[in-house]
Amino acid sequence: MTSEIEEAVTRHYARRNLFEDITRGLTASGANLEALTPSDLAPVDEFHTAGRIATLQALAEMPLADGMHLLDAGCGIGGTARCLAIEYGCRVTGVDLTPEFIETARLLSSRMAGGERCSFQVASVLNLPFAAGAFDGAVTMHVAMNVPDRARFYSELARVVRPGGPLCVFDVMKGPGPGMRYPVPWAETEATSFLFSRNETVALLAAAGFRLASENNMRDFAIGFFREVFAKAAAADGPPPLGLHLLTGANAREKFTNYAAALDAHQIEPVILVAERT
């Protein structure tokens, strides 16, 4: 069943000509394609709630140091990995199920100073191809919503992170409100959406061998963030040349509208958890 779900998740995120579409958006935005910066890619680079804003906030809560080797589990097109490499001096290995994401991550990183500290490969977070204790820490952002076997996911992270190493989890978690309308950015239907509450997530992390160090519920911020995004979209003639619609497909507006409605109804809440491997 897990392999069937992973195949469905891969199909959900697959996008033909993704790098070409991003390149066109960058060109239209006036970016230098041979010397990209995190700011150039910010509109599309971070496929999670509040994008780069949330990335910087989450990473600021981790005890990061220059030269650390980190795992980005479910790296997408590499935005968080490049942020860690360029702004924190870390070496980062990113894994993702979606071949198009990995190809795009490699190509974008090759055009950015500091991107050489990142490497990317296609792999499942449920079967990480690394030795025990291979990493000084790990991050995973908006990945677990597609992972039903959460215990195995966190156990794999615990296996590959050395004792004392930090883990940052930023995911959409189940809120107290009932129900959920689909599609949303991470799933077309509930068949590939697996939401756990904050308390369930913390318990599973503890069972896997992580001790919670800090947390930040981003729901209130996310509600305001999406209201601002929708207001800007309503005032524009069409979608910007570069944005998450390139990753979410033709029904991007419906997906984000449903996401924002679920936030308002407190059916979901994006939460940052930072833990330590015991």
C-alpha atoms as a PDB file:
ATOM      1  CA  MET A   1       0.000   0.000   0.000  1.00  0.00           C
ATOM      2  CA  THR A   2       2.840   2.399   0.843  1.00  0.00           C
ATOM      3  CA  SER A   3       4.370   2.062  -2.616  1.00  0.00           C
ATOM      4  CA  GLU A   4       0.979   2.730  -4.215  1.00  0.00           C
ATOM      5  CA  ILE A   5       0.568   5.878  -2.152  1.00  0.00           C
ATOM      6  CA  GLU A   6       4.082   7.032  -3.008  1.00  0.00           C
ATOM      7  CA  GLU A   7       3.381   6.490  -6.712  1.00  0.00           C
ATOM      8  CA  ALA A   8       0.196   8.558  -6.408  1.00  0.00           C
ATOM      9  CA  VAL A   9       2.038  11.308  -4.526  1.00  0.00           C
ATOM     10  CA  THR A  10       4.751  11.376  -7.195  1.00  0.00           C
ATOM     11  CA  ARG A  11       2.117  11.757  -9.908  1.00  0.00           C
ATOM     12  CA  HIS A  12       0.505  14.592  -7.951  1.00  0.00           C
ATOM     13  CA  TYR A  13       3.713  16.628  -7.885  1.00  0.00           C
ATOM     14  CA  ALA A  14       5.066  15.710 -11.319  1.00  0.00           C
ATOM     15  CA  ARG A  15       5.313  18.690 -13.691  1.00  0.00           C
ATOM     16  CA  ARG A  16       6.600  18.485 -17.238  1.00  0.00           C
ATOM     17  CA  ASN A  17       9.100  21.153 -18.269  1.00  0.00           C
ATOM     18  CA  LEU A  18       9.264  22.494 -14.709  1.00  0.00           C
ATOM     19  CA  PHE A  19      12.773  23.915 -14.996  1.00  0.00           C
ATOM     20  CA  GLU A  20      11.901  25.569 -18.304  1.00  0.00           C
ATOM     21  CA  ASP A  21       8.781  27.145 -16.788  1.00  0.00           C
ATOM     22  CA  ILE A  22      10.779  28.465 -13.832  1.00  0.00           C
ATOM     23  CA  THR A  23      13.469  29.762 -16.189  1.00  0.00           C
ATOM     24  CA  ARG A  24      10.880  31.700 -18.179  1.00  0.00           C
ATOM     25  CA  GLY A  25       9.522  33.171 -14.961  1.00  0.00           C
ATOM     26  CA  LEU A  26      12.996  34.171 -13.815  1.00  0.00           C
ATOM     27  CA  THR A  27      13.731  35.802 -17.163  1.00  0.00           C
ATOM     28  CA  ALA A  28      10.482  37.756 -17.019  1.00  0.00           C
ATOM     29  CA  SER A  29      11.393  38.866 -13.494  1.00  0.00           C
ATOM     30  CA  GLY A  30      14.777  40.178 -14.683  1.00  0.00           C
ATOM     31  CA  ALA A  31      16.963  37.606 -12.895  1.00  0.00           C
ATOM     32  CA  ASN A  32      20.466  36.700 -14.065  1.00  0.00           C
ATOM     33  CA  LEU A  33      20.083  33.014 -14.901  1.00  0.00           C
ATOM     34  CA  GLU A  34      23.780  32.290 -14.473  1.00  0.00           C
ATOM     35  CA  ALA A  35      24.047  33.916 -11.035  1.00  0.00           C
ATOM     36  CA  LEU A  36      20.791  33.302  -9.228  1.00  0.00           C
ATOM     37  CA  THR A  37      20.179  34.439  -5.655  1.00  0.00           C
ATOM     38  CA  PRO A  38      17.738  33.181  -3.007  1.00  0.00           C
ATOM     39  CA  SER A  39      15.719  36.376  -3.490  1.00  0.00           C
ATOM     40  CA  ASP A  40      15.357  35.666  -7.222  1.00  0.00           C
ATOM     41  CA  LEU A  41      13.838  32.260  -6.499  1.00  0.00           C
ATOM     42  CA  ALA A  42      11.864  33.162  -3.373  1.00  0.00           C
ATOM     43  CA  PRO A  43       8.427  33.234  -5.081  1.00  0.00           C
ATOM     44  CA  VAL A  44       8.717  29.601  -6.183  1.00  0.00           C
ATOM     45  CA  ASP A  45      11.590  28.081  -4.209  1.00  0.00           C
ATOM     46  CA  GLU A  46       9.919  27.242  -0.883  1.00  0.00           C
ATOM     47  CA  PHE A  47       6.888  24.979  -1.390  1.00  0.00           C
ATOM     48  CA  HIS A  48       5.387  25.420   2.059  1.00  0.00           C
ATOM     49  CA  THR A  49       3.226  27.872   3.999  1.00  0.00           C
ATOM     50  CA  ALA A  50       4.587  31.454   3.852  1.00  0.00           C
ATOM     51  CA  GLY A  51       7.566  30.318   1.791  1.00  0.00           C
ATOM     52  CA  ARG A  52      10.922  31.914   2.557  1.00  0.00           C
ATOM     53  CA  ILE A  53       9.491  33.851   5.503  1.00  0.00           C
ATOM     54  CA  ALA A  54       8.676  30.608   7.301  1.00  0.00           C
ATOM     55  CA  THR A  55      11.920  28.960   6.200  1.00  0.00           C
ATOM     56  CA  LEU A  56      14.031  31.665   7.835  1.00  0.00           C
ATOM     57  CA  GLN A  57      11.875  31.622  10.967  1.00  0.00           C
ATOM     58  CA  ALA A  58      12.096  27.839  11.293  1.00  0.00           C
ATOM     59  CA  LEU A  59      15.840  27.640  10.702  1.00  0.00           C
ATOM     60  CA  ALA A  60      16.475  30.450  13.199  1.00  0.00           C
ATOM     61  CA  GLU A  61      15.118  28.128  15.890  1.00  0.00           C
ATOM     62  CA  MET A  62      17.704  25.425  15.102  1.00  0.00           C
ATOM     63  CA  PRO A  63      21.238  25.284  16.596  1.00  0.00           C
ATOM     64  CA  LEU A  64      22.971  25.464  13.226  1.00  0.00           C
ATOM     65  CA  ALA A  65      26.688  25.908  12.637  1.00  0.00           C
ATOM     66  CA  ASP A  66      28.933  26.325   9.628  1.00  0.00           C
ATOM     67  CA  GLY A  67      30.010  22.992   8.146  1.00  0.00           C
ATOM     68  CA  MET A  68      27.177  20.877   9.511  1.00  0.00           C
ATOM     69  CA  HIS A  69      25.927  18.120   7.191  1.00  0.00           C
ATOM     70  CA  LEU A  70      22.131  18.193   7.119  1.00  0.00           C
ATOM     71  CA  LEU A  71      19.420  16.101   5.509  1.00  0.00           C
ATOM     72  CA  ASP A  72      16.473  17.807   3.806  1.00  0.00           C
ATOM     73  CA  ALA A  73      13.843  15.056   3.764  1.00  0.00           C
ATOM     74  CA  GLY A  74      11.333  15.864   1.032  1.00  0.00           C
ATOM     75  CA  CYS A  75      13.394  18.704  -0.431  1.00  0.00           C
ATOM     76  CA  GLY A  76      11.176  19.682  -3.352  1.00  0.00           C
ATOM     77  CA  ILE A  77      13.124  21.895  -5.756  1.00  0.00           C
ATOM     78  CA  GLY A  78      15.769  22.630  -3.134  1.00  0.00           C
ATOM     79  CA  GLY A  79      14.867  25.990  -1.651  1.00  0.00           C
ATOM     80  CA  THR A  80      15.422  25.111   1.989  1.00  0.00           C
ATOM     81  CA  ALA A  81      18.590  23.162   1.167  1.00  0.00           C
ATOM     82  CA  ARG A  82      20.056  26.151  -0.674  1.00  0.00           C
ATOM     83  CA  CYS A  83      19.099  28.469   2.171  1.00  0.00           C
ATOM     84  CA  LEU A  84      20.975  26.221   4.614  1.00  0.00           C
ATOM     85  CA  ALA A  85      23.984  26.055   2.299  1.00  0.00           C
ATOM     86  CA  ILE A  86      24.204  29.719   1.357  1.00  0.00           C
ATOM     87  CA  GLU A  87      23.068  31.471   4.526  1.00  0.00           C
ATOM     88  CA  TYR A  88      24.305  29.019   7.159  1.00  0.00           C
ATOM     89  CA  GLY A  89      27.326  27.433   5.458  1.00  0.00           C
ATOM     90  CA  CYS A  90      25.963  23.913   5.812  1.00  0.00           C
ATOM     91  CA  ARG A  91      26.425  20.954   3.514  1.00  0.00           C
ATOM     92  CA  VAL A  92      23.007  19.567   2.584  1.00  0.00           C
ATOM     93  CA  THR A  93      21.732  16.349   1.066  1.00  0.00           C
ATOM     94  CA  GLY A  94      18.175  16.557  -0.224  1.00  0.00           C
ATOM     95  CA  VAL A  95      15.881  13.662  -1.101  1.00  0.00           C
ATOM     96  CA  ASP A  96      12.479  13.668  -2.762  1.00  0.00           C
ATOM     97  CA  LEU A  97      10.175  11.185  -4.470  1.00  0.00           C
ATOM     98  CA  THR A  98       9.564  13.393  -7.513  1.00  0.00           C
ATOM     99  CA  PRO A  99      12.243  13.124 -10.236  1.00  0.00           C
ATOM    100  CA  GLU A 100      11.238  16.478 -11.776  1.00  0.00           C
ATOM    101  CA  PHE A 101      11.830  18.191  -8.436  1.00  0.00           C
ATOM    102  CA  ILE A 102      15.268  16.620  -8.031  1.00  0.00           C
ATOM    103  CA  GLU A 103      16.315  17.509 -11.586  1.00  0.00           C
ATOM    104  CA  THR A 104      15.155  21.094 -11.091  1.00  0.00           C
ATOM    105  CA  ALA A 105      16.880  21.320  -7.692  1.00  0.00           C
ATOM    106  CA  ARG A 106      20.186  20.285  -9.237  1.00  0.00           C
ATOM    107  CA  LEU A 107      19.897  22.700 -12.171  1.00  0.00           C
ATOM    108  CA  LEU A 108      18.921  25.674 -10.009  1.00  0.00           C
ATOM    109  CA  SER A 109      21.677  24.937  -7.489  1.00  0.00           C
ATOM    110  CA  SER A 110      24.283  24.837 -10.252  1.00  0.00           C
ATOM    111  CA  ARG A 111      23.408  28.447 -11.077  1.00  0.00           C
ATOM    112  CA  MET A 112      23.751  29.791  -7.554  1.00  0.00           C
ATOM    113  CA  ALA A 113      26.897  30.591  -5.574  1.00  0.00           C
ATOM    114  CA  GLY A 114      27.001  28.149  -2.675  1.00  0.00           C
ATOM    115  CA  GLY A 115      24.745  25.707  -4.452  1.00  0.00           C
ATOM    116  CA  GLU A 116      27.668  23.316  -4.833  1.00  0.00           C
ATOM    117  CA  ARG A 117      27.266  22.487  -1.136  1.00  0.00           C
ATOM    118  CA  CYS A 118      23.935  20.828  -1.993  1.00  0.00           C
ATOM    119  CA  SER A 119      23.374  17.375  -3.465  1.00  0.00           C
ATOM    120  CA  PHE A 120      20.040  15.844  -4.398  1.00  0.00           C
ATOM    121  CA  GLN A 121      18.722  12.378  -5.114  1.00  0.00           C
ATOM    122  CA  VAL A 122      15.434  10.578  -5.681  1.00  0.00           C
ATOM    123  CA  ALA A 123      14.557   8.561  -2.577  1.00  0.00           C
ATOM    124  CA  SER A 124      11.730   7.778  -0.183  1.00  0.00           C
ATOM    125  CA  VAL A 125      11.730   9.274   3.299  1.00  0.00           C
ATOM    126  CA  LEU A 126      10.516   5.866   4.487  1.00  0.00           C
ATOM    127  CA  ASN A 127      13.666   4.149   3.239  1.00  0.00           C
ATOM    128  CA  LEU A 128      16.519   6.636   3.427  1.00  0.00           C
ATOM    129  CA  PRO A 129      19.647   5.374   1.601  1.00  0.00           C
ATOM    130  CA  PHE A 130      22.081   6.532   4.287  1.00  0.00           C
ATOM    131  CA  ALA A 131      24.031   4.985   7.142  1.00  0.00           C
ATOM    132  CA  ALA A 132      23.021   5.393  10.761  1.00  0.00           C
ATOM    133  CA  GLY A 133      24.165   8.722  12.186  1.00  0.00           C
ATOM    134  CA  ALA A 134      25.171  10.043   8.763  1.00  0.00           C
ATOM    135  CA  PHE A 135      23.848  13.558   9.421  1.00  0.00           C
ATOM    136  CA  ASP A 136      24.405  16.263  12.020  1.00  0.00           C
ATOM    137  CA  GLY A 137      20.726  17.211  11.779  1.00  0.00           C
ATOM    138  CA  ALA A 138      17.701  17.241   9.492  1.00  0.00           C
ATOM    139  CA  VAL A 139      14.844  19.362   8.250  1.00  0.00           C
ATOM    140  CA  THR A 140      11.525  18.342   6.718  1.00  0.00           C
ATOM    141  CA  MET A 141       9.005  20.922   5.565  1.00  0.00           C
ATOM    142  CA  HIS A 142       5.454  20.151   4.416  1.00  0.00           C
ATOM    143  CA  VAL A 143       6.220  16.517   3.665  1.00  0.00           C
ATOM    144  CA  ALA A 144       4.481  14.397   6.306  1.00  0.00           C
ATOM    145  CA  MET A 145       0.986  15.295   5.031  1.00  0.00           C
ATOM    146  CA  ASN A 146       1.643  12.741   2.255  1.00  0.00           C
ATOM    147  CA  VAL A 147       3.074  10.089   4.596  1.00  0.00           C
ATOM    148  CA  PRO A 148       0.626   7.703   6.311  1.00  0.00           C
ATOM    149  CA  ASP A 149       3.318   5.701   8.093  1.00  0.00           C
ATOM    150  CA  ARG A 150       4.466   8.582  10.237  1.00  0.00           C
ATOM    151  CA  ALA A 151       6.140   6.343  12.824  1.00  0.00           C
ATOM    152  CA  ARG A 152       8.399   4.842  10.162  1.00  0.00           C
ATOM    153  CA  PHE A 153       9.201   8.282   8.731  1.00  0.00           C
ATOM    154  CA  TYR A 154      10.323   9.656  12.079  1.00  0.00           C
ATOM    155  CA  SER A 155      12.179   6.443  12.920  1.00  0.00           C
ATOM    156  CA  GLU A 156      14.145   6.790   9.677  1.00  0.00           C
ATOM    157  CA  LEU A 157      15.006  10.382  10.558  1.00  0.00           C
ATOM    158  CA  ALA A 158      16.119   9.268  14.019  1.00  0.00           C
ATOM    159  CA  ARG A 159      18.257   6.520  12.501  1.00  0.00           C
ATOM    160  CA  VAL A 160      20.231   8.832  10.188  1.00  0.00           C
ATOM    161  CA  VAL A 161      20.621  11.795  12.589  1.00  0.00           C
ATOM    162  CA  ARG A 162      23.437  11.509  15.132  1.00  0.00           C
ATOM    163  CA  PRO A 163      22.580  11.720  18.859  1.00  0.00           C
ATOM    164  CA  GLY A 164      22.257  15.339  19.920  1.00  0.00           C
ATOM    165  CA  GLY A 165      21.467  16.469  16.375  1.00  0.00           C
ATOM    166  CA  PRO A 166      18.528  18.836  15.722  1.00  0.00           C
ATOM    167  CA  LEU A 167      15.430  18.095  13.648  1.00  0.00           C
ATOM    168  CA  CYS A 168      13.103  20.782  12.317  1.00  0.00           C
ATOM    169  CA  VAL A 169       9.620  19.635  11.317  1.00  0.00           C
ATOM    170  CA  PHE A 170       7.345  22.178   9.624  1.00  0.00           C
ATOM    171  CA  ASP A 171       4.075  20.576   8.584  1.00  0.00           C
ATOM    172  CA  VAL A 172       0.384  21.180   8.161  1.00  0.00           C
ATOM    173  CA  MET A 173      -1.223  19.482  11.148  1.00  0.00           C
ATOM    174  CA  LYS A 174      -4.804  18.555  11.945  1.00  0.00           C
ATOM    175  CA  GLY A 175      -6.668  21.212  13.882  1.00  0.00           C
ATOM    176  CA  PRO A 176      -9.717  20.841  16.150  1.00  0.00           C
ATOM    177  CA  GLY A 177     -12.216  21.733  13.430  1.00  0.00           C
ATOM    178  CA  PRO A 178     -13.874  18.817  11.588  1.00  0.00           C
ATOM    179  CA  GLY A 179     -13.738  18.188   7.852  1.00  0.00           C
ATOM    180  CA  MET A 180     -11.483  19.233   5.005  1.00  0.00           C
ATOM    181  CA  ARG A 181     -12.173  20.318   1.434  1.00  0.00           C
ATOM    182  CA  TYR A 182     -10.009  19.141  -1.459  1.00  0.00           C
ATOM    183  CA  PRO A 183      -7.988  19.751  -3.582  1.00  0.00           C
ATOM    184  CA  VAL A 184      -5.236  21.405  -1.552  1.00  0.00           C
ATOM    185  CA  PRO A 185      -1.603  22.021  -2.524  1.00  0.00           C
ATOM    186  CA  TRP A 186      -0.406  18.653  -1.203  1.00  0.00           C
ATOM    187  CA  ALA A 187      -3.287  16.462  -2.411  1.00  0.00           C
ATOM    188  CA  GLU A 188      -6.052  16.351  -5.007  1.00  0.00           C
ATOM    189  CA  THR A 189      -8.196  14.160  -2.734  1.00  0.00           C
ATOM    190  CA  GLU A 190      -8.083  12.756   0.779  1.00  0.00           C
ATOM    191  CA  ALA A 191      -6.632   9.525  -0.656  1.00  0.00           C
ATOM    192  CA  THR A 192      -3.103  10.961  -0.373  1.00  0.00           C
ATOM    193  CA  SER A 193      -3.645  13.339   2.555  1.00  0.00           C
ATOM    194  CA  PHE A 194      -2.715  12.163   6.046  1.00  0.00           C
ATOM    195  CA  LEU A 195      -3.040  14.836   8.714  1.00  0.00           C
ATOM    196  CA  PHE A 196      -1.926  14.285  12.307  1.00  0.00           C
ATOM    197  CA  SER A 197      -2.474  16.703  15.177  1.00  0.00           C
ATOM    198  CA  ARG A 198       0.307  18.539  16.963  1.00  0.00           C
ATOM    199  CA  ASN A 199      -0.039  16.253  19.998  1.00  0.00           C
ATOM    200  CA  GLU A 200       0.036  13.112  17.846  1.00  0.00           C
ATOM    201  CA  THR A 201       3.106  14.406  16.021  1.00  0.00           C
ATOM    202  CA  VAL A 202       5.005  15.205  19.214  1.00  0.00           C
ATOM    203  CA  ALA A 203       4.172  11.770  20.624  1.00  0.00           C
ATOM    204  CA  LEU A 204       5.388  10.034  17.473  1.00  0.00           C
ATOM    205  CA  LEU A 205       8.606  12.055  17.463  1.00  0.00           C
ATOM    206  CA  ALA A 206       9.213  11.137  21.097  1.00  0.00           C
ATOM    207  CA  ALA A 207       8.611   7.464  20.365  1.00  0.00           C
ATOM    208  CA  ALA A 208      11.144   7.665  17.519  1.00  0.00           C
ATOM    209  CA  GLY A 209      13.813   9.188  19.757  1.00  0.00           C
ATOM    210  CA  PHE A 210      13.383  12.977  19.557  1.00  0.00           C
ATOM    211  CA  ARG A 211      12.942  15.401  22.456  1.00  0.00           C
ATOM    212  CA  LEU A 212      10.919  18.545  21.699  1.00  0.00           C
ATOM    213  CA  ALA A 213      12.946  21.729  22.122  1.00  0.00           C
ATOM    214  CA  SER A 214      10.676  24.466  20.729  1.00  0.00           C
ATOM    215  CA  GLU A 215       7.494  24.991  18.739  1.00  0.00           C
ATOM    216  CA  ASN A 216       5.713  27.718  16.854  1.00  0.00           C
ATOM    217  CA  ASN A 217       2.096  27.503  15.703  1.00  0.00           C
ATOM    218  CA  MET A 218       1.941  29.584  12.513  1.00  0.00           C
ATOM    219  CA  ARG A 219      -1.838  29.501  11.984  1.00  0.00           C
ATOM    220  CA  ASP A 220      -2.587  33.144  12.812  1.00  0.00           C
ATOM    221  CA  PHE A 221       0.337  34.336  10.718  1.00  0.00           C
ATOM    222  CA  ALA A 222      -0.691  32.074   7.827  1.00  0.00           C
ATOM    223  CA  ILE A 223      -4.256  33.421   7.833  1.00  0.00           C
ATOM    224  CA  GLY A 224      -2.956  36.964   7.434  1.00  0.00           C
ATOM    225  CA  PHE A 225      -0.376  35.854   4.893  1.00  0.00           C
ATOM    226  CA  PHE A 226      -2.977  34.273   2.614  1.00  0.00           C
ATOM    227  CA  ARG A 227      -5.338  37.236   2.892  1.00  0.00           C
ATOM    228  CA  GLU A 228      -2.530  39.453   1.654  1.00  0.00           C
ATOM    229  CA  VAL A 229      -1.662  37.015  -1.150  1.00  0.00           C
ATOM    230  CA  PHE A 230      -5.282  36.861  -2.345  1.00  0.00           C
ATOM    231  CA  ALA A 231      -5.642  40.654  -2.178  1.00  0.00           C
ATOM    232  CA  LYS A 232      -2.573  41.093  -4.383  1.00  0.00           C
ATOM    233  CA  ALA A 233      -3.845  38.454  -6.797  1.00  0.00           C
ATOM    234  CA  ALA A 234      -7.230  40.161  -7.067  1.00  0.00           C
ATOM    235  CA  ALA A 235      -5.537  43.445  -7.943  1.00  0.00           C
ATOM    236  CA  ALA A 236      -3.331  41.871 -10.615  1.00  0.00           C
ATOM    237  CA  ASP A 237      -4.205  41.074 -14.217  1.00  0.00           C
ATOM    238  CA  GLY A 238      -3.102  37.464 -13.827  1.00  0.00           C
ATOM    239  CA  PRO A 239      -0.658  35.223 -11.990  1.00  0.00           C
ATOM    240  CA  PRO A 240       2.912  36.500 -11.608  1.00  0.00           C
ATOM    241  CA  PRO A 241       5.582  35.057 -13.917  1.00  0.00           C
ATOM    242  CA  LEU A 242       7.133  33.208 -10.983  1.00  0.00           C
ATOM    243  CA  GLY A 243       5.125  31.603  -8.201  1.00  0.00           C
ATOM    244  CA  LEU A 244       3.908  28.412  -6.592  1.00  0.00           C
ATOM    245  CA  HIS A 245       1.284  28.012  -9.309  1.00  0.00           C
ATOM    246  CA  LEU A 246       4.144  26.588 -11.403  1.00  0.00           C
ATOM    247  CA  LEU A 247       4.348  23.704  -8.912  1.00  0.00           C
ATOM    248  CA  THR A 248       0.657  23.215  -8.153  1.00  0.00           C
ATOM    249  CA  GLY A 249      -0.870  23.064 -11.628  1.00  0.00           C
ATOM    250  CA  ALA A 250      -3.910  24.497 -13.371  1.00  0.00           C
ATOM    251  CA  ASN A 251      -6.138  24.350 -10.271  1.00  0.00           C
ATOM    252  CA  ALA A 252      -3.659  26.215  -8.084  1.00  0.00           C
ATOM    253  CA  ARG A 253      -6.161  28.912  -7.091  1.00  0.00           C
ATOM    254  CA  GLU A 254      -8.719  26.346  -5.930  1.00  0.00           C
ATOM    255  CA  LYS A 255      -6.059  24.511  -3.916  1.00  0.00           C
ATOM    256  CA  PHE A 256      -4.890  27.612  -2.084  1.00  0.00           C
ATOM    257  CA  THR A 257      -8.460  28.853  -1.589  1.00  0.00           C
ATOM    258  CA  ASN A 258      -9.349  25.568   0.094  1.00  0.00           C
ATOM    259  CA  TYR A 259      -6.185  25.735   2.180  1.00  0.00           C
ATOM    260  CA  ALA A 260      -6.995  29.249   3.384  1.00  0.00           C
ATOM    261  CA  ALA A 261     -10.582  28.225   4.188  1.00  0.00           C
ATOM    262  CA  ALA A 262      -9.303  25.280   6.235  1.00  0.00           C
ATOM    263  CA  LEU A 263      -7.055  27.633   8.190  1.00  0.00           C
ATOM    264  CA  ASP A 264      -9.992  29.931   8.933  1.00  0.00           C
ATOM    265  CA  ALA A 265     -12.116  26.972  10.077  1.00  0.00           C
ATOM    266  CA  HIS A 266      -9.210  25.684  12.186  1.00  0.00           C
ATOM    267  CA  GLN A 267      -9.341  22.364  10.393  1.00  0.00           C
ATOM    268  CA  ILE A 268      -5.570  22.647   9.962  1.00  0.00           C
ATOM    269  CA  GLU A 269      -2.665  24.531  11.496  1.00  0.00           C
ATOM    270  CA  PRO A 270       0.907  24.870  10.171  1.00  0.00           C
ATOM    271  CA  VAL A 271       3.283  24.161  13.057  1.00  0.00           C
ATOM    272  CA  ILE A 272       7.065  24.357  13.381  1.00  0.00           C
ATOM    273  CA  LEU A 273       8.609  21.842  15.779  1.00  0.00           C
ATOM    274  CA  VAL A 274      12.308  21.729  16.612  1.00  0.00           C
ATOM    275  CA  ALA A 275      13.508  18.621  18.408  1.00  0.00           C
ATOM    276  CA  GLU A 276      16.771  17.006  19.469  1.00  0.00           C
ATOM    277  CA  ARG A 277      17.839  13.446  18.757  1.00  0.00           C
ATOM    278  CA  THR A 278      18.253  11.730  22.121  1.00  0.00           C
END
